[in-house]
Amino acid sequence: MIEITQRTVGLWYVTLPSGDWMGAVDALDGGRFKMTYRFRYYRDTKVFSDSKDVKNWYSGEGDDFGHAVRAMREIVRLLKRTGGGESFENLRGDSSVDEFMARWDAQPFVHKKHVIEGHKLPGAPLEPEDGEAYVDPRNGLALAWDQKLNVWVYQEESHGNQ
């Protein structure tokens, strides 16, 4: 999974004939940057851990942000030239994390899994079973316990489009 954090400074996405490609650049300590990208080949219509989609991951580090951006743009260009469809680039620049994420979240291809740590959910069982259901009293939304991640997971996805 490409984890989007406070350190994420660039995100890219390209639709492919039977899947998609996504890339990210994260700022590291000492002026270094990490590039991460993955190819996803659809096998079903599910999005998260229960999906049978095939994903291939790649990453590398460097000390030149401009080079990382140029490399991601070149991958996007090559993918589009060889059958890729729509693409999206989101560079953080001077925008706040909230503005950066709002631009990303507004895209129709974005799927987010909202989670809450168990101890932060009022009235939730202290030792729930895997898959146990619960309704968040603050908003009335259904959650299920994910034993592996040790969190409550909202059962609705945002922008669910596959």
N, C-alpha and C. Protein backbone atom coordinates (compact mmCIF):
# COMPACT_ATOMS: atom_id res chain seq x y z
N MET A 1 0.84 -1.17 0.00
CA MET A 1 0.00 0.00 0.00
C MET A 1 0.89 1.24 0.00
N ILE A 2 0.50 2.22 -0.77
CA ILE A 2 1.18 3.50 -0.72
C ILE A 2 0.53 4.28 0.41
N GLU A 3 1.29 4.49 1.47
CA GLU A 3 0.76 5.20 2.63
C GLU A 3 1.01 6.69 2.44
N ILE A 4 -0.05 7.46 2.44
CA ILE A 4 0.06 8.90 2.27
C ILE A 4 0.17 9.52 3.65
N THR A 5 1.30 10.21 3.89
CA THR A 5 1.58 10.78 5.20
C THR A 5 1.92 12.26 5.07
N GLN A 6 2.30 12.87 6.19
CA GLN A 6 2.74 14.26 6.20
C GLN A 6 3.97 14.46 5.31
N ARG A 7 4.73 13.39 5.09
CA ARG A 7 5.97 13.48 4.30
C ARG A 7 5.73 13.35 2.80
N THR A 8 4.51 12.99 2.38
CA THR A 8 4.21 12.80 0.96
C THR A 8 4.18 14.15 0.26
N VAL A 9 5.00 14.29 -0.78
CA VAL A 9 5.10 15.57 -1.49
C VAL A 9 4.64 15.47 -2.94
N GLY A 10 4.34 14.27 -3.41
CA GLY A 10 3.84 14.12 -4.77
C GLY A 10 3.13 12.79 -4.95
N LEU A 11 2.04 12.82 -5.72
CA LEU A 11 1.26 11.61 -6.02
C LEU A 11 0.92 11.61 -7.51
N TRP A 12 0.94 10.41 -8.12
CA TRP A 12 0.61 10.26 -9.53
C TRP A 12 -0.28 9.04 -9.69
N TYR A 13 -1.10 9.07 -10.76
CA TYR A 13 -2.01 7.96 -11.03
C TYR A 13 -2.25 7.88 -12.53
N VAL A 14 -2.30 6.66 -13.06
CA VAL A 14 -2.62 6.42 -14.47
C VAL A 14 -3.55 5.22 -14.56
N THR A 15 -4.63 5.35 -15.35
CA THR A 15 -5.47 4.18 -15.62
C THR A 15 -4.79 3.33 -16.68
N LEU A 16 -4.89 2.03 -16.54
CA LEU A 16 -4.35 1.08 -17.51
C LEU A 16 -5.48 0.23 -18.05
N PRO A 17 -5.30 -0.43 -19.19
CA PRO A 17 -6.39 -1.21 -19.78
C PRO A 17 -7.03 -2.23 -18.83
N SER A 18 -6.25 -2.88 -17.97
CA SER A 18 -6.84 -3.85 -17.04
C SER A 18 -6.35 -3.62 -15.62
N GLY A 19 -6.11 -2.34 -15.28
CA GLY A 19 -5.63 -2.02 -13.95
C GLY A 19 -5.29 -0.56 -13.82
N ASP A 20 -4.31 -0.26 -12.98
CA ASP A 20 -3.86 1.12 -12.81
C ASP A 20 -2.43 1.14 -12.28
N TRP A 21 -1.86 2.34 -12.29
CA TRP A 21 -0.52 2.57 -11.78
C TRP A 21 -0.60 3.76 -10.83
N MET A 22 0.08 3.68 -9.70
CA MET A 22 0.10 4.78 -8.74
C MET A 22 1.51 4.95 -8.22
N GLY A 23 1.92 6.22 -8.06
CA GLY A 23 3.25 6.50 -7.55
C GLY A 23 3.22 7.62 -6.52
N ALA A 24 4.23 7.65 -5.66
CA ALA A 24 4.34 8.68 -4.63
C ALA A 24 5.80 9.03 -4.41
N VAL A 25 6.04 10.27 -4.02
CA VAL A 25 7.36 10.71 -3.58
C VAL A 25 7.20 11.23 -2.16
N ASP A 26 8.03 10.73 -1.25
CA ASP A 26 8.01 11.15 0.15
C ASP A 26 9.34 11.79 0.51
N ALA A 27 9.28 12.87 1.26
CA ALA A 27 10.48 13.52 1.79
C ALA A 27 11.01 12.70 2.96
N LEU A 28 12.30 12.46 2.98
CA LEU A 28 12.94 11.74 4.07
C LEU A 28 13.86 12.71 4.82
N ASP A 29 14.40 12.25 5.93
CA ASP A 29 15.36 13.07 6.67
C ASP A 29 16.62 13.29 5.84
N GLY A 30 17.31 14.37 6.11
CA GLY A 30 18.58 14.63 5.45
C GLY A 30 18.46 15.08 4.00
N GLY A 31 17.29 15.59 3.60
CA GLY A 31 17.12 16.07 2.24
C GLY A 31 16.97 14.98 1.18
N ARG A 32 16.71 13.76 1.62
CA ARG A 32 16.54 12.65 0.68
C ARG A 32 15.06 12.45 0.36
N PHE A 33 14.78 11.71 -0.70
CA PHE A 33 13.42 11.44 -1.14
C PHE A 33 13.28 9.97 -1.49
N LYS A 34 12.09 9.44 -1.23
CA LYS A 34 11.80 8.05 -1.58
C LYS A 34 10.69 8.03 -2.63
N MET A 35 10.94 7.32 -3.71
CA MET A 35 9.92 7.09 -4.75
C MET A 35 9.36 5.69 -4.54
N THR A 36 8.04 5.59 -4.55
CA THR A 36 7.38 4.30 -4.47
C THR A 36 6.31 4.27 -5.55
N TYR A 37 6.22 3.17 -6.28
CA TYR A 37 5.11 3.03 -7.21
C TYR A 37 4.71 1.58 -7.34
N ARG A 38 3.49 1.40 -7.83
CA ARG A 38 3.00 0.05 -8.00
C ARG A 38 2.09 -0.04 -9.22
N PHE A 39 2.10 -1.22 -9.81
CA PHE A 39 1.15 -1.57 -10.86
C PHE A 39 0.09 -2.45 -10.22
N ARG A 40 -1.16 -2.21 -10.54
CA ARG A 40 -2.26 -3.03 -10.01
C ARG A 40 -3.04 -3.59 -11.19
N TYR A 41 -3.19 -4.91 -11.22
CA TYR A 41 -3.92 -5.59 -12.28
C TYR A 41 -5.19 -6.17 -11.67
N TYR A 42 -6.34 -5.67 -12.14
CA TYR A 42 -7.63 -6.04 -11.55
C TYR A 42 -7.97 -7.51 -11.80
N ARG A 43 -8.42 -8.16 -10.72
CA ARG A 43 -8.90 -9.53 -10.78
C ARG A 43 -10.33 -9.64 -10.28
N ASP A 44 -10.80 -8.60 -9.59
CA ASP A 44 -12.16 -8.56 -9.06
C ASP A 44 -12.53 -7.09 -8.85
N THR A 45 -13.69 -6.83 -8.28
CA THR A 45 -14.13 -5.45 -8.07
C THR A 45 -13.90 -4.98 -6.64
N LYS A 46 -13.21 -5.76 -5.83
CA LYS A 46 -12.93 -5.36 -4.46
C LYS A 46 -11.73 -4.43 -4.43
N VAL A 47 -11.58 -3.67 -3.34
CA VAL A 47 -10.53 -2.66 -3.29
C VAL A 47 -9.44 -2.99 -2.28
N PHE A 48 -9.80 -3.48 -1.11
CA PHE A 48 -8.82 -3.58 -0.04
C PHE A 48 -8.28 -4.99 0.12
N SER A 49 -7.98 -5.41 1.33
CA SER A 49 -7.23 -6.65 1.59
C SER A 49 -7.92 -7.91 1.08
N ASP A 50 -9.24 -7.87 0.89
CA ASP A 50 -9.92 -9.06 0.41
C ASP A 50 -9.89 -9.17 -1.12
N SER A 51 -9.25 -8.21 -1.79
CA SER A 51 -9.16 -8.22 -3.25
C SER A 51 -8.12 -9.24 -3.71
N LYS A 52 -8.36 -9.82 -4.86
CA LYS A 52 -7.42 -10.77 -5.48
C LYS A 52 -6.55 -10.08 -6.53
N ASP A 53 -6.64 -8.74 -6.63
CA ASP A 53 -5.83 -8.00 -7.59
C ASP A 53 -4.36 -8.31 -7.40
N VAL A 54 -3.61 -8.30 -8.49
CA VAL A 54 -2.17 -8.52 -8.46
C VAL A 54 -1.48 -7.16 -8.44
N LYS A 55 -0.56 -6.97 -7.50
CA LYS A 55 0.17 -5.71 -7.38
C LYS A 55 1.67 -5.99 -7.41
N ASN A 56 2.38 -5.20 -8.20
CA ASN A 56 3.84 -5.26 -8.26
C ASN A 56 4.38 -3.93 -7.75
N TRP A 57 5.30 -3.98 -6.79
CA TRP A 57 5.80 -2.79 -6.10
C TRP A 57 7.26 -2.51 -6.44
N TYR A 58 7.60 -1.21 -6.50
CA TYR A 58 8.97 -0.78 -6.77
C TYR A 58 9.25 0.46 -5.93
N SER A 59 10.51 0.64 -5.51
CA SER A 59 10.86 1.85 -4.76
C SER A 59 12.35 2.13 -4.90
N GLY A 60 12.71 3.37 -4.63
CA GLY A 60 14.10 3.77 -4.65
C GLY A 60 14.26 5.09 -3.92
N GLU A 61 15.47 5.44 -3.57
CA GLU A 61 15.74 6.68 -2.84
C GLU A 61 16.78 7.51 -3.57
N GLY A 62 16.72 8.81 -3.34
CA GLY A 62 17.70 9.72 -3.91
C GLY A 62 17.71 11.02 -3.14
N ASP A 63 18.57 11.94 -3.58
CA ASP A 63 18.67 13.21 -2.86
C ASP A 63 18.29 14.41 -3.73
N ASP A 64 17.56 14.15 -4.83
CA ASP A 64 17.19 15.24 -5.74
C ASP A 64 15.69 15.16 -6.02
N PHE A 65 14.93 16.07 -5.41
CA PHE A 65 13.48 16.08 -5.59
C PHE A 65 13.11 16.26 -7.05
N GLY A 66 13.78 17.16 -7.74
CA GLY A 66 13.50 17.40 -9.16
C GLY A 66 13.66 16.14 -9.99
N HIS A 67 14.70 15.37 -9.68
CA HIS A 67 14.93 14.11 -10.40
C HIS A 67 13.78 13.12 -10.12
N ALA A 68 13.34 13.04 -8.87
CA ALA A 68 12.25 12.13 -8.52
C ALA A 68 10.98 12.50 -9.29
N VAL A 69 10.66 13.80 -9.37
CA VAL A 69 9.46 14.25 -10.09
C VAL A 69 9.61 13.93 -11.58
N ARG A 70 10.78 14.23 -12.15
CA ARG A 70 11.00 13.93 -13.57
C ARG A 70 10.88 12.43 -13.85
N ALA A 71 11.38 11.60 -12.95
CA ALA A 71 11.29 10.15 -13.13
C ALA A 71 9.83 9.70 -13.11
N MET A 72 9.05 10.21 -12.17
CA MET A 72 7.62 9.85 -12.11
C MET A 72 6.90 10.33 -13.37
N ARG A 73 7.18 11.52 -13.80
CA ARG A 73 6.55 12.05 -15.02
C ARG A 73 6.93 11.22 -16.24
N GLU A 74 8.16 10.75 -16.29
CA GLU A 74 8.58 9.92 -17.42
C GLU A 74 7.85 8.58 -17.40
N ILE A 75 7.66 8.00 -16.24
CA ILE A 75 6.89 6.75 -16.14
C ILE A 75 5.47 6.99 -16.63
N VAL A 76 4.84 8.08 -16.18
CA VAL A 76 3.48 8.41 -16.62
C VAL A 76 3.45 8.57 -18.14
N ARG A 77 4.42 9.30 -18.69
CA ARG A 77 4.47 9.53 -20.14
C ARG A 77 4.58 8.20 -20.89
N LEU A 78 5.45 7.31 -20.44
CA LEU A 78 5.62 6.01 -21.10
C LEU A 78 4.36 5.15 -20.98
N LEU A 79 3.72 5.17 -19.82
CA LEU A 79 2.49 4.39 -19.64
C LEU A 79 1.39 4.90 -20.57
N LYS A 80 1.26 6.20 -20.70
CA LYS A 80 0.23 6.78 -21.57
C LYS A 80 0.54 6.46 -23.04
N ARG A 81 1.81 6.45 -23.37
CA ARG A 81 2.23 6.16 -24.75
C ARG A 81 1.97 4.70 -25.12
N THR A 82 1.95 3.81 -24.12
CA THR A 82 1.77 2.38 -24.38
C THR A 82 0.39 1.88 -23.96
N GLY A 83 -0.60 2.74 -23.98
CA GLY A 83 -1.97 2.29 -23.72
C GLY A 83 -2.61 2.81 -22.46
N GLY A 84 -1.87 3.53 -21.64
CA GLY A 84 -2.47 4.11 -20.43
C GLY A 84 -3.51 5.16 -20.79
N GLY A 85 -4.45 5.36 -19.91
CA GLY A 85 -5.53 6.32 -20.15
C GLY A 85 -5.34 7.60 -19.38
N GLU A 86 -6.36 7.94 -18.61
CA GLU A 86 -6.32 9.18 -17.84
C GLU A 86 -5.20 9.15 -16.81
N SER A 87 -4.66 10.34 -16.53
CA SER A 87 -3.62 10.43 -15.52
C SER A 87 -3.89 11.65 -14.64
N PHE A 88 -3.26 11.64 -13.47
CA PHE A 88 -3.40 12.75 -12.52
C PHE A 88 -2.08 12.92 -11.79
N GLU A 89 -1.66 14.17 -11.65
CA GLU A 89 -0.47 14.50 -10.88
C GLU A 89 -0.87 15.47 -9.78
N ASN A 90 -0.37 15.23 -8.58
CA ASN A 90 -0.68 16.10 -7.44
C ASN A 90 0.62 16.37 -6.69
N LEU A 91 1.18 17.58 -6.89
CA LEU A 91 2.38 17.99 -6.17
C LEU A 91 1.97 18.90 -5.03
N ARG A 92 2.55 18.66 -3.87
CA ARG A 92 2.16 19.44 -2.69
C ARG A 92 2.59 20.89 -2.80
N GLY A 93 3.82 21.15 -3.20
CA GLY A 93 4.30 22.52 -3.32
C GLY A 93 4.12 23.28 -2.02
N ASP A 94 3.55 24.47 -2.09
CA ASP A 94 3.34 25.31 -0.91
C ASP A 94 1.99 25.06 -0.24
N SER A 95 1.19 24.13 -0.77
CA SER A 95 -0.13 23.90 -0.18
C SER A 95 -0.02 23.16 1.14
N SER A 96 -1.04 23.31 1.96
CA SER A 96 -1.09 22.60 3.24
C SER A 96 -1.36 21.12 2.97
N VAL A 97 -1.14 20.29 3.97
CA VAL A 97 -1.45 18.87 3.84
C VAL A 97 -2.93 18.70 3.53
N ASP A 98 -3.79 19.48 4.19
CA ASP A 98 -5.24 19.37 3.96
C ASP A 98 -5.60 19.72 2.52
N GLU A 99 -5.00 20.78 1.97
CA GLU A 99 -5.28 21.17 0.58
C GLU A 99 -4.78 20.09 -0.39
N PHE A 100 -3.58 19.59 -0.13
CA PHE A 100 -2.98 18.54 -0.94
C PHE A 100 -3.88 17.31 -0.96
N MET A 101 -4.33 16.90 0.22
CA MET A 101 -5.17 15.71 0.32
C MET A 101 -6.56 15.94 -0.26
N ALA A 102 -7.09 17.14 -0.14
CA ALA A 102 -8.41 17.44 -0.70
C ALA A 102 -8.38 17.28 -2.22
N ARG A 103 -7.29 17.73 -2.87
CA ARG A 103 -7.17 17.56 -4.32
C ARG A 103 -7.13 16.07 -4.69
N TRP A 104 -6.39 15.29 -3.90
CA TRP A 104 -6.28 13.85 -4.16
C TRP A 104 -7.61 13.15 -3.90
N ASP A 105 -8.21 13.43 -2.74
CA ASP A 105 -9.46 12.76 -2.37
C ASP A 105 -10.59 13.04 -3.33
N ALA A 106 -10.53 14.16 -4.05
CA ALA A 106 -11.60 14.54 -4.98
C ALA A 106 -11.56 13.72 -6.27
N GLN A 107 -10.51 12.95 -6.48
CA GLN A 107 -10.40 12.18 -7.72
C GLN A 107 -11.28 10.93 -7.66
N PRO A 108 -11.92 10.57 -8.77
CA PRO A 108 -12.86 9.44 -8.77
C PRO A 108 -12.20 8.08 -8.54
N PHE A 109 -10.90 7.97 -8.71
CA PHE A 109 -10.22 6.69 -8.54
C PHE A 109 -9.76 6.45 -7.11
N VAL A 110 -9.89 7.43 -6.22
CA VAL A 110 -9.36 7.31 -4.86
C VAL A 110 -10.28 6.44 -4.00
N HIS A 111 -9.66 5.48 -3.33
CA HIS A 111 -10.36 4.62 -2.36
C HIS A 111 -9.66 4.80 -1.03
N LYS A 112 -10.41 5.14 0.01
CA LYS A 112 -9.81 5.32 1.32
C LYS A 112 -10.44 4.36 2.30
N LYS A 113 -9.64 3.83 3.15
CA LYS A 113 -10.13 2.97 4.21
C LYS A 113 -10.01 3.75 5.51
N HIS A 114 -11.12 4.18 6.03
CA HIS A 114 -11.11 4.96 7.27
C HIS A 114 -11.04 4.01 8.45
N VAL A 115 -10.10 4.27 9.35
CA VAL A 115 -9.91 3.41 10.51
C VAL A 115 -9.85 4.22 11.79
N ILE A 116 -10.18 3.57 12.88
CA ILE A 116 -10.11 4.18 14.21
C ILE A 116 -9.50 3.16 15.14
N GLU A 117 -8.49 3.56 15.89
CA GLU A 117 -7.92 2.66 16.88
C GLU A 117 -8.99 2.35 17.93
N GLY A 118 -9.03 1.09 18.38
CA GLY A 118 -10.08 0.63 19.28
C GLY A 118 -10.27 1.48 20.51
N HIS A 119 -9.18 1.93 21.14
CA HIS A 119 -9.30 2.69 22.38
C HIS A 119 -9.84 4.10 22.15
N LYS A 120 -9.97 4.53 20.89
CA LYS A 120 -10.46 5.87 20.60
C LYS A 120 -11.93 5.88 20.20
N LEU A 121 -12.60 4.74 20.26
CA LEU A 121 -13.99 4.66 19.87
C LEU A 121 -14.86 4.50 21.11
N PRO A 122 -15.65 5.53 21.45
CA PRO A 122 -16.43 5.48 22.69
C PRO A 122 -17.44 4.33 22.71
N GLY A 123 -17.41 3.58 23.80
CA GLY A 123 -18.38 2.51 24.00
C GLY A 123 -18.09 1.23 23.24
N ALA A 124 -17.00 1.17 22.48
CA ALA A 124 -16.69 -0.04 21.71
C ALA A 124 -16.18 -1.13 22.63
N PRO A 125 -16.41 -2.39 22.27
CA PRO A 125 -15.87 -3.49 23.08
C PRO A 125 -14.35 -3.38 23.20
N LEU A 126 -13.81 -3.70 24.37
CA LEU A 126 -12.37 -3.58 24.58
C LEU A 126 -11.57 -4.69 23.91
N GLU A 127 -12.16 -5.87 23.78
CA GLU A 127 -11.48 -6.99 23.13
C GLU A 127 -12.40 -7.62 22.10
N PRO A 128 -12.64 -6.91 20.98
CA PRO A 128 -13.57 -7.43 19.96
C PRO A 128 -13.01 -8.61 19.19
N GLU A 129 -13.90 -9.40 18.62
CA GLU A 129 -13.53 -10.52 17.76
C GLU A 129 -13.33 -9.99 16.35
N ASP A 130 -12.51 -10.69 15.55
CA ASP A 130 -12.28 -10.29 14.17
C ASP A 130 -13.61 -10.24 13.42
N GLY A 131 -13.88 -9.13 12.74
CA GLY A 131 -15.11 -8.97 11.98
C GLY A 131 -16.31 -8.52 12.79
N GLU A 132 -16.15 -8.40 14.12
CA GLU A 132 -17.26 -7.98 14.97
C GLU A 132 -17.75 -6.60 14.50
N ALA A 133 -19.08 -6.44 14.44
CA ALA A 133 -19.67 -5.19 13.97
C ALA A 133 -19.94 -4.25 15.14
N TYR A 134 -19.94 -2.97 14.84
CA TYR A 134 -20.21 -1.93 15.82
C TYR A 134 -20.69 -0.69 15.08
N VAL A 135 -21.56 0.08 15.70
CA VAL A 135 -22.02 1.34 15.10
C VAL A 135 -21.41 2.48 15.88
N ASP A 136 -20.74 3.38 15.17
CA ASP A 136 -20.11 4.55 15.79
C ASP A 136 -21.22 5.48 16.28
N PRO A 137 -21.32 5.70 17.60
CA PRO A 137 -22.41 6.52 18.14
C PRO A 137 -22.30 7.99 17.72
N ARG A 138 -21.13 8.40 17.26
CA ARG A 138 -20.94 9.81 16.88
C ARG A 138 -21.54 10.14 15.53
N ASN A 139 -21.61 9.12 14.63
CA ASN A 139 -22.11 9.41 13.28
C ASN A 139 -23.05 8.35 12.73
N GLY A 140 -23.27 7.26 13.48
CA GLY A 140 -24.20 6.22 13.06
C GLY A 140 -23.68 5.30 11.97
N LEU A 141 -22.39 5.38 11.63
CA LEU A 141 -21.83 4.54 10.57
C LEU A 141 -21.36 3.20 11.12
N ALA A 142 -21.52 2.16 10.29
CA ALA A 142 -21.13 0.81 10.67
C ALA A 142 -19.62 0.62 10.55
N LEU A 143 -19.06 -0.10 11.53
CA LEU A 143 -17.64 -0.45 11.52
C LEU A 143 -17.52 -1.95 11.77
N ALA A 144 -16.37 -2.49 11.40
CA ALA A 144 -16.05 -3.88 11.72
C ALA A 144 -14.63 -3.91 12.27
N TRP A 145 -14.37 -4.80 13.21
CA TRP A 145 -13.05 -4.92 13.82
C TRP A 145 -12.13 -5.69 12.89
N ASP A 146 -10.94 -5.16 12.62
CA ASP A 146 -9.93 -5.84 11.83
C ASP A 146 -8.85 -6.31 12.80
N GLN A 147 -8.84 -7.60 13.11
CA GLN A 147 -7.93 -8.17 14.10
C GLN A 147 -6.47 -7.98 13.70
N LYS A 148 -6.18 -8.13 12.40
CA LYS A 148 -4.81 -8.03 11.92
C LYS A 148 -4.25 -6.62 12.13
N LEU A 149 -5.06 -5.61 11.84
CA LEU A 149 -4.61 -4.22 11.97
C LEU A 149 -4.86 -3.65 13.37
N ASN A 150 -5.72 -4.35 14.14
CA ASN A 150 -6.07 -3.91 15.48
C ASN A 150 -6.78 -2.55 15.47
N VAL A 151 -7.71 -2.39 14.52
CA VAL A 151 -8.47 -1.14 14.38
C VAL A 151 -9.91 -1.44 13.98
N TRP A 152 -10.78 -0.47 14.23
CA TRP A 152 -12.14 -0.48 13.71
C TRP A 152 -12.10 0.11 12.32
N VAL A 153 -12.76 -0.52 11.34
CA VAL A 153 -12.74 -0.07 9.95
C VAL A 153 -14.16 0.28 9.52
N TYR A 154 -14.35 1.52 9.03
CA TYR A 154 -15.65 1.89 8.48
C TYR A 154 -15.96 1.00 7.29
N GLN A 155 -17.19 0.58 7.15
CA GLN A 155 -17.57 -0.34 6.09
C GLN A 155 -17.89 0.35 4.78
N GLU A 156 -17.92 1.68 4.76
CA GLU A 156 -18.13 2.42 3.53
C GLU A 156 -16.82 2.96 3.03
N GLU A 157 -16.60 2.89 1.72
CA GLU A 157 -15.41 3.44 1.11
C GLU A 157 -15.78 4.81 0.55
N SER A 158 -14.80 5.71 0.46
CA SER A 158 -15.09 6.97 -0.20
C SER A 158 -14.64 6.88 -1.64
N HIS A 159 -15.42 7.42 -2.52
CA HIS A 159 -15.15 7.44 -3.96
C HIS A 159 -14.97 6.04 -4.50
N GLY A 160 -15.78 5.08 -4.06
CA GLY A 160 -15.66 3.71 -4.51
C GLY A 160 -15.97 3.58 -6.00
N ASN A 161 -14.96 3.54 -6.83
CA ASN A 161 -15.11 3.47 -8.27
C ASN A 161 -14.01 2.57 -8.78
N GLN A 162 -14.38 1.49 -9.43
CA GLN A 162 -13.34 0.58 -9.91
C GLN A 162 -13.58 0.28 -11.36
